[in-house]
Each structure stands twice: as structure tokens, then as C-alpha cells.
Amino acid sequence: MKKSFLIFAFALTSSMTFAQEAVKNTTAADDESVKGTWDVNLDLASRYIWRGQSWGGNYPVAQLYGAYNLSNKWSLGLWTTHNFKKEYYDENGTTKGYQEIDFIVNYAVNDILTISLQDYYWPSTDRQEGVSNNFFNYGNDSSQTIDLMFMFNFTERGLPLWFTSSTFIAGNDFKYKDEFDEKGKQNYTTYMELGYDIKAPFGVSLAPFFGLVLNNKARYYNYADYDKPSFVNLGCKVSKEFKLSESVVMPVWLNYTYNAADAMENLQPLGHQFLVAGVTFSLSK
């Protein structure tokens, strides 16, 4: 996401992947058994990549997140990330320090569709001129954005396919109305992602995915075209889960991301490529 200003995260890129995994789709008959259940997860990763965007440089991150199920329909979630760097920029002007906390509300319409409202808050790690870290500031100098997501998962119907549509409905997502980079109206930047889960031998899971930004006039996605749709998140996640106890599991994963957008001057000729390794500790109750 955008930093003059930002954030996410890993996306699947973090916020989105978390939100999808945090929702437990059940039938109405299971309502009482699901109510009050929760999970807590800790990711240790080599860096933070969100929808083909790199936030906080090439530094290791810790990401703590979890969800509490109010019922079989409603759940509340929290997602955080930090790379433990205090300086927002390094001596070359490259983003260095990064922190983020997201507040999430999920509603499972049925066993296919979940609607998620996510509040992304990414205060700068030190004071930056023209950037406000005030919470509940959704203006064009803010460090906050609200994302409305429609997440389709067809696993319960026998098809290990997911599709997500994400639109920013408030916050620092404003079009640039003139050559002086003055920000104007809300842009409603929209991102779509399609993925497929594959079970490989030896308990390994493969999840190829591709993501597309439709309208990026607000320049929320730094590594993307500003005036046309662009594929920013093509890749595959490879993971294997180890069960440590009845309630604790430890997935180990490797995520490859290719950002195909190459029209901007600050992009490499063939786009950006990222390889992120990580381990997750998951506790559910």
C-alpha cells in the first residue's frame, strides 16, 4: 500500500489471507459450537509483501493476528505487523521502518461468500512532514484506509478455488487531480484476486494465485500502473503443516510473487519479483 502515508499484510497477502482463514464457515446447527471459539497466530517472515507491494524494505517481520467467533456468521479479527526498524526511511530515501495494525469484521453469508470490512492503520515509525498518524483520520494526509472485501471460497462445494474483490471505500485513497500531485476525490481503488489450492505429495500444499488492480489513479499501489489495469500479484505459495499438539500447528511456507507491472519509471524492466520464507505458529481453542 501506499506510504506517504502507509501500509495489509502479506497478503495473500496478509490482511486478505488472514481474513479468509479466520472465518469458520459452518451450518446454522453448529452455531453454539462455534460461538466463543478463537485462534491466535504468529508469523515470522523474511519480509512483508502485500499484493505485490513491498512495505518496510527487505527486513524480517513478525505478524501477530487472530479472530474471535461471535457466532457461525460473525467474527472479529485483528492483524499486526512490525519490522522493528525505527527510521521510516534509510539514508537513500528508501522505506525502512514499517508497522501496521488492522481491525477486521467478517460476516459469513453462506459457505461460499464472506463479506469483510477491514480498517488498515499504518502509522509511520517516526515523524514525517505532511503525514498524520492520528487514528480515525481518513483524509488525504492520513495513515488509514477502509477496505470492503467480498471473499468467495468454493472449497465446501468441492472446488478448492477462491476469488476476492477488494475496494477501498474510505481513507487515504484519493485521485491526483493535477500535475502538482494535489489529491482530489475518493478513487475507490479496486483489486481482484483468484487462487487455487492444490494438494501435493508428502502433505505439501500449493496455492497459485494472480491479482489485478483495476483503477490505480490514487497511486495506492506503488508498484503498479497508474492509468490502466495491471497484474501486480502473480505467484504461488508452498506450505507444509506440522502438528505440534492437539491445539497448536506450525505451517512452514515459501511465497513467490511476481509483479508484472513495468510502465512506471521506478520499476524494473521485467517487473518486481519477491521470495518470502516464513513459519507460522497457530493456536486455536
Protein backbone atom coordinates (compact mmCIF):
# COMPACT_ATOMS: atom_id res chain seq x y z
CA MET A 1 0.00 0.00 0.00
CA LYS A 2 0.92 3.48 -0.10
CA LYS A 3 3.25 5.07 2.20
CA SER A 4 3.33 8.74 2.08
CA PHE A 5 1.07 7.73 4.09
CA LEU A 6 1.47 3.61 4.63
CA ILE A 7 0.69 0.13 4.70
CA PHE A 8 -2.03 -5.07 4.84
CA ALA A 9 -0.40 -7.62 5.23
CA PHE A 10 1.28 -10.41 3.34
CA ALA A 11 -1.18 -10.84 1.67
CA LEU A 12 -2.26 -13.17 0.04
CA THR A 13 -1.15 -11.22 1.23
CA SER A 14 -1.63 -10.63 4.73
CA SER A 15 -4.78 -8.89 5.61
CA MET A 16 -6.72 -10.72 2.98
CA THR A 17 -5.26 -14.14 3.64
CA PHE A 18 -5.83 -13.71 7.34
CA ALA A 19 -9.42 -12.66 6.87
CA GLN A 20 -10.15 -15.66 4.67
CA GLU A 21 -8.54 -18.13 7.06
CA ALA A 22 -10.02 -16.54 10.17
CA VAL A 23 -13.62 -17.19 9.12
CA LYS A 24 -15.01 -20.58 10.06
CA ASN A 25 -17.86 -21.46 7.70
CA THR A 26 -20.39 -23.70 9.43
CA THR A 27 -24.06 -24.59 9.25
CA ALA A 28 -26.68 -22.99 11.47
CA ALA A 29 -26.84 -26.19 13.53
CA ASP A 30 -23.22 -25.64 14.53
CA ASP A 31 -23.82 -22.12 15.80
CA GLU A 32 -23.44 -22.86 19.51
CA SER A 33 -20.31 -24.99 18.99
CA VAL A 34 -18.60 -22.20 17.04
CA LYS A 35 -19.67 -19.32 19.27
CA GLY A 36 -16.84 -18.20 21.52
CA THR A 37 -14.07 -20.07 19.70
CA TRP A 38 -10.90 -18.22 18.73
CA ASP A 39 -7.48 -18.57 17.17
CA VAL A 40 -4.16 -16.75 17.57
CA ASN A 41 -1.35 -16.87 15.01
CA LEU A 42 2.22 -15.63 14.82
CA ASP A 43 4.09 -15.32 11.52
CA LEU A 44 7.85 -14.92 11.39
CA ALA A 45 8.73 -13.97 7.81
CA SER A 46 11.76 -12.79 5.87
CA ARG A 47 9.94 -9.62 4.73
CA TYR A 48 6.46 -8.15 4.20
CA ILE A 49 4.87 -8.35 0.75
CA TRP A 50 1.23 -7.27 0.29
CA ARG A 51 -0.49 -7.73 -3.07
CA GLY A 52 2.79 -7.44 -4.95
CA GLN A 53 3.92 -4.42 -2.92
CA SER A 54 6.96 -4.36 -0.62
CA TRP A 55 6.49 -2.46 2.64
CA GLY A 56 9.30 -1.83 5.06
CA GLY A 57 12.19 -2.90 2.85
CA ASN A 58 13.92 -6.26 2.93
CA TYR A 59 13.76 -6.73 6.70
CA PRO A 60 12.34 -9.66 8.70
CA VAL A 61 8.89 -9.10 10.21
CA ALA A 62 6.74 -10.50 12.99
CA GLN A 63 3.00 -10.65 12.32
CA LEU A 64 0.54 -11.39 15.11
CA TYR A 65 -3.12 -11.93 14.26
CA GLY A 66 -6.22 -13.73 15.42
CA ALA A 67 -10.01 -13.97 15.34
CA TYR A 68 -12.89 -14.42 17.76
CA ASN A 69 -16.11 -16.04 16.56
CA LEU A 70 -19.21 -14.31 17.87
CA SER A 71 -21.39 -16.88 16.06
CA ASN A 72 -21.25 -19.05 12.95
CA LYS A 73 -21.85 -15.87 10.93
CA TRP A 74 -19.93 -13.10 12.66
CA SER A 75 -16.27 -12.87 13.70
CA LEU A 76 -13.92 -10.11 14.83
CA GLY A 77 -10.27 -10.06 13.85
CA LEU A 78 -7.01 -8.23 14.46
CA TRP A 79 -3.84 -8.29 12.31
CA THR A 80 -0.49 -6.63 13.06
CA THR A 81 2.98 -6.45 11.55
CA HIS A 82 6.28 -4.80 12.55
CA ASN A 83 9.86 -4.98 11.24
CA PHE A 84 11.36 -3.36 14.38
CA LYS A 85 13.07 -0.52 12.49
CA LYS A 86 12.65 2.96 13.98
CA GLU A 87 13.67 5.06 10.96
CA TYR A 88 10.92 5.41 8.35
CA TYR A 89 13.47 5.98 5.55
CA ASP A 90 17.12 4.96 5.22
CA GLU A 91 19.94 7.25 4.06
CA ASN A 92 18.98 6.63 0.41
CA GLY A 93 15.36 7.64 0.92
CA THR A 94 14.09 4.06 0.70
CA THR A 95 11.30 2.97 3.04
CA LYS A 96 12.77 1.20 6.05
CA GLY A 97 10.66 1.17 9.22
CA TYR A 98 7.14 -0.20 8.95
CA GLN A 99 4.29 -1.02 11.33
CA GLU A 100 0.60 -1.75 10.83
CA ILE A 101 -2.49 -2.81 12.75
CA ASP A 102 -5.76 -3.85 11.09
CA PHE A 103 -9.20 -4.20 12.65
CA ILE A 104 -11.50 -6.67 10.90
CA VAL A 105 -15.20 -7.57 10.96
CA ASN A 106 -16.33 -10.63 8.99
CA TYR A 107 -19.81 -11.80 8.09
CA ALA A 108 -20.21 -15.25 6.53
CA VAL A 109 -23.25 -15.00 4.25
CA ASN A 110 -23.07 -18.73 3.48
CA ASP A 111 -20.42 -21.42 2.98
CA ILE A 112 -19.21 -19.66 -0.18
CA LEU A 113 -19.35 -15.90 0.45
CA THR A 114 -17.86 -13.88 3.30
CA ILE A 115 -18.12 -10.09 3.48
CA SER A 116 -15.24 -8.43 5.32
CA LEU A 117 -14.71 -4.84 6.44
CA GLN A 118 -11.07 -4.10 7.25
CA ASP A 119 -9.60 -0.94 8.74
CA TYR A 120 -5.90 -0.63 7.81
CA TYR A 121 -3.83 1.65 10.06
CA TRP A 122 -0.13 2.09 9.25
CA PRO A 123 1.36 4.95 11.34
CA SER A 124 4.88 5.99 10.34
CA THR A 125 7.62 4.77 12.68
CA ASP A 126 8.91 8.33 13.11
CA ARG A 127 7.52 11.82 12.46
CA GLN A 128 7.07 12.65 8.75
CA GLU A 129 6.14 16.09 7.42
CA GLY A 130 2.67 16.13 5.84
CA VAL A 131 1.73 12.71 7.23
CA SER A 132 -0.79 12.37 10.05
CA ASN A 133 -0.67 9.35 12.36
CA ASN A 134 -3.92 10.30 14.09
CA PHE A 135 -6.35 7.42 14.41
CA PHE A 136 -9.78 7.96 12.80
CA ASN A 137 -8.22 10.39 10.31
CA TYR A 138 -9.40 9.28 6.86
CA GLY A 139 -8.28 12.38 4.98
CA ASN A 140 -5.64 12.66 2.26
CA ASP A 141 -2.83 13.11 4.82
CA SER A 142 -3.88 10.09 6.87
CA SER A 143 -2.33 6.70 7.55
CA GLN A 144 -5.61 4.82 7.43
CA THR A 145 -7.84 3.15 4.83
CA ILE A 146 -11.05 1.09 4.97
CA ASP A 147 -11.31 -1.92 2.67
CA LEU A 148 -14.61 -3.62 1.77
CA MET A 149 -13.98 -7.18 0.61
CA PHE A 150 -16.17 -9.88 -0.91
CA MET A 151 -14.43 -13.23 -0.49
CA PHE A 152 -15.68 -16.30 -2.33
CA ASN A 153 -14.35 -19.72 -1.32
CA PHE A 154 -15.73 -22.78 -3.10
CA THR A 155 -13.90 -25.40 -1.01
CA GLU A 156 -17.10 -26.54 0.73
CA ARG A 157 -18.59 -27.20 -2.72
CA GLY A 158 -15.74 -29.48 -3.72
CA LEU A 159 -13.76 -26.89 -5.69
CA PRO A 160 -10.57 -25.57 -3.97
CA LEU A 161 -10.89 -22.16 -5.62
CA TRP A 162 -11.12 -18.68 -4.10
CA PHE A 163 -11.91 -15.28 -5.54
CA THR A 164 -11.67 -11.93 -3.75
CA SER A 165 -12.86 -8.46 -4.72
CA SER A 166 -11.47 -5.58 -2.65
CA THR A 167 -12.49 -1.90 -2.84
CA PHE A 168 -11.26 0.96 -0.65
CA ILE A 169 -14.34 2.87 0.49
CA ALA A 170 -12.72 5.46 2.79
CA GLY A 171 -9.36 6.78 3.89
CA ASN A 172 -6.16 7.75 2.09
CA ASP A 173 -7.22 6.68 -1.39
CA PHE A 174 -7.64 9.94 -3.32
CA LYS A 175 -7.12 10.61 -7.02
CA TYR A 176 -4.39 13.03 -8.10
CA LYS A 177 -6.25 15.80 -9.89
CA ASP A 178 -3.33 17.83 -11.29
CA GLU A 179 0.35 17.78 -12.22
CA PHE A 180 1.28 19.07 -8.76
CA ASP A 181 0.07 15.80 -7.18
CA GLU A 182 -2.77 17.57 -5.40
CA LYS A 183 -5.28 14.99 -4.26
CA GLY A 184 -8.94 15.24 -5.20
CA LYS A 185 -11.89 12.85 -4.91
CA GLN A 186 -12.00 9.36 -3.42
CA ASN A 187 -10.78 6.86 -6.01
CA TYR A 188 -12.36 3.60 -4.74
CA THR A 189 -9.32 1.61 -5.84
CA THR A 190 -10.35 -1.97 -6.63
CA TYR A 191 -8.23 -5.11 -6.53
CA MET A 192 -9.27 -8.65 -7.55
CA GLU A 193 -7.53 -11.93 -6.83
CA LEU A 194 -8.10 -15.52 -7.95
CA GLY A 195 -6.37 -18.52 -6.40
CA TYR A 196 -6.45 -22.32 -6.35
CA ASP A 197 -5.37 -24.81 -3.67
CA ILE A 198 -3.55 -27.97 -4.76
CA LYS A 199 -2.70 -30.90 -2.50
CA ALA A 200 0.75 -32.26 -3.42
CA PRO A 201 2.54 -35.39 -2.12
CA PHE A 202 4.09 -35.53 1.37
CA GLY A 203 1.45 -33.22 2.82
CA VAL A 204 2.61 -30.19 0.82
CA SER A 205 0.06 -27.61 -0.33
CA LEU A 206 0.44 -25.41 -3.41
CA ALA A 207 -1.63 -22.26 -3.91
CA PRO A 208 -1.07 -20.46 -7.24
CA PHE A 209 -2.75 -17.03 -7.45
CA PHE A 210 -2.96 -13.89 -9.54
CA GLY A 211 -4.13 -10.41 -8.59
CA LEU A 212 -5.19 -7.45 -10.69
CA VAL A 213 -5.51 -3.74 -9.80
CA LEU A 214 -8.32 -2.21 -11.88
CA ASN A 215 -8.03 1.53 -11.13
CA ASN A 216 -4.92 2.95 -9.54
CA LYS A 217 -5.29 6.71 -10.10
CA ALA A 218 -4.83 7.25 -6.35
CA ARG A 219 -1.41 5.54 -6.64
CA TYR A 220 -2.19 3.42 -3.62
CA TYR A 221 -0.25 0.59 -5.25
CA ASN A 222 3.25 1.98 -5.77
CA TYR A 223 4.39 -0.94 -7.93
CA ALA A 224 1.53 -0.69 -10.45
CA ASP A 225 0.44 1.29 -13.47
CA TYR A 226 -1.44 4.48 -12.61
CA ASP A 227 -3.61 4.81 -15.71
CA LYS A 228 -4.60 1.26 -16.64
CA PRO A 229 -5.32 -2.14 -15.03
CA SER A 230 -2.19 -4.09 -14.17
CA PHE A 231 -1.28 -7.53 -12.85
CA VAL A 232 0.66 -6.86 -9.66
CA ASN A 233 0.40 -10.14 -7.76
CA LEU A 234 1.20 -13.33 -9.67
CA GLY A 235 2.72 -16.20 -7.78
CA CYS A 236 2.43 -19.34 -5.72
CA LYS A 237 2.58 -20.22 -2.04
CA VAL A 238 4.08 -23.57 -0.99
CA SER A 239 3.39 -24.76 2.54
CA LYS A 240 3.56 -27.79 4.80
CA GLU A 241 1.86 -28.04 8.17
CA PHE A 242 3.36 -29.71 11.23
CA LYS A 243 1.10 -30.56 14.15
CA LEU A 244 2.80 -29.82 17.48
CA SER A 245 -0.17 -30.70 19.71
CA GLU A 246 -3.95 -31.02 19.58
CA SER A 247 -4.36 -27.23 19.52
CA VAL A 248 -1.05 -26.00 18.08
CA VAL A 249 0.07 -26.36 14.46
CA MET A 250 3.15 -24.95 12.71
CA PRO A 251 2.90 -24.32 8.95
CA VAL A 252 6.19 -23.64 7.17
CA TRP A 253 5.82 -21.76 3.89
CA LEU A 254 7.55 -20.17 0.92
CA ASN A 255 5.80 -17.49 -1.11
CA TYR A 256 6.91 -16.37 -4.60
CA THR A 257 5.40 -13.16 -6.00
CA TYR A 258 5.89 -11.64 -9.44
CA ASN A 259 4.67 -8.09 -10.07
CA ALA A 260 4.25 -7.78 -13.84
CA ALA A 261 3.60 -4.02 -13.93
CA ASP A 262 6.51 -2.31 -15.69
CA ALA A 263 5.23 1.02 -17.05
CA MET A 264 6.48 3.22 -14.22
CA GLU A 265 9.98 4.65 -14.17
CA ASN A 266 10.76 3.26 -10.73
CA LEU A 267 10.00 -0.30 -11.78
CA GLN A 268 12.49 -2.81 -13.12
CA PRO A 269 12.17 -3.61 -16.88
CA LEU A 270 10.60 -7.00 -16.21
CA GLY A 271 8.69 -6.06 -13.09
CA HIS A 272 9.45 -6.98 -9.48
CA GLN A 273 10.00 -10.45 -8.05
CA PHE A 274 9.87 -11.39 -4.37
CA LEU A 275 10.59 -14.59 -2.49
CA VAL A 276 9.42 -14.71 1.12
CA ALA A 277 10.03 -17.54 3.58
CA GLY A 278 8.18 -17.91 6.84
CA VAL A 279 6.85 -20.02 9.64
CA THR A 280 3.51 -19.72 11.43
CA PHE A 281 2.59 -20.78 14.95
CA SER A 282 -1.18 -21.29 15.27
CA LEU A 283 -3.18 -21.83 18.43
CA SER A 284 -6.94 -22.42 18.30
CA LYS A 285 -9.48 -23.03 21.02
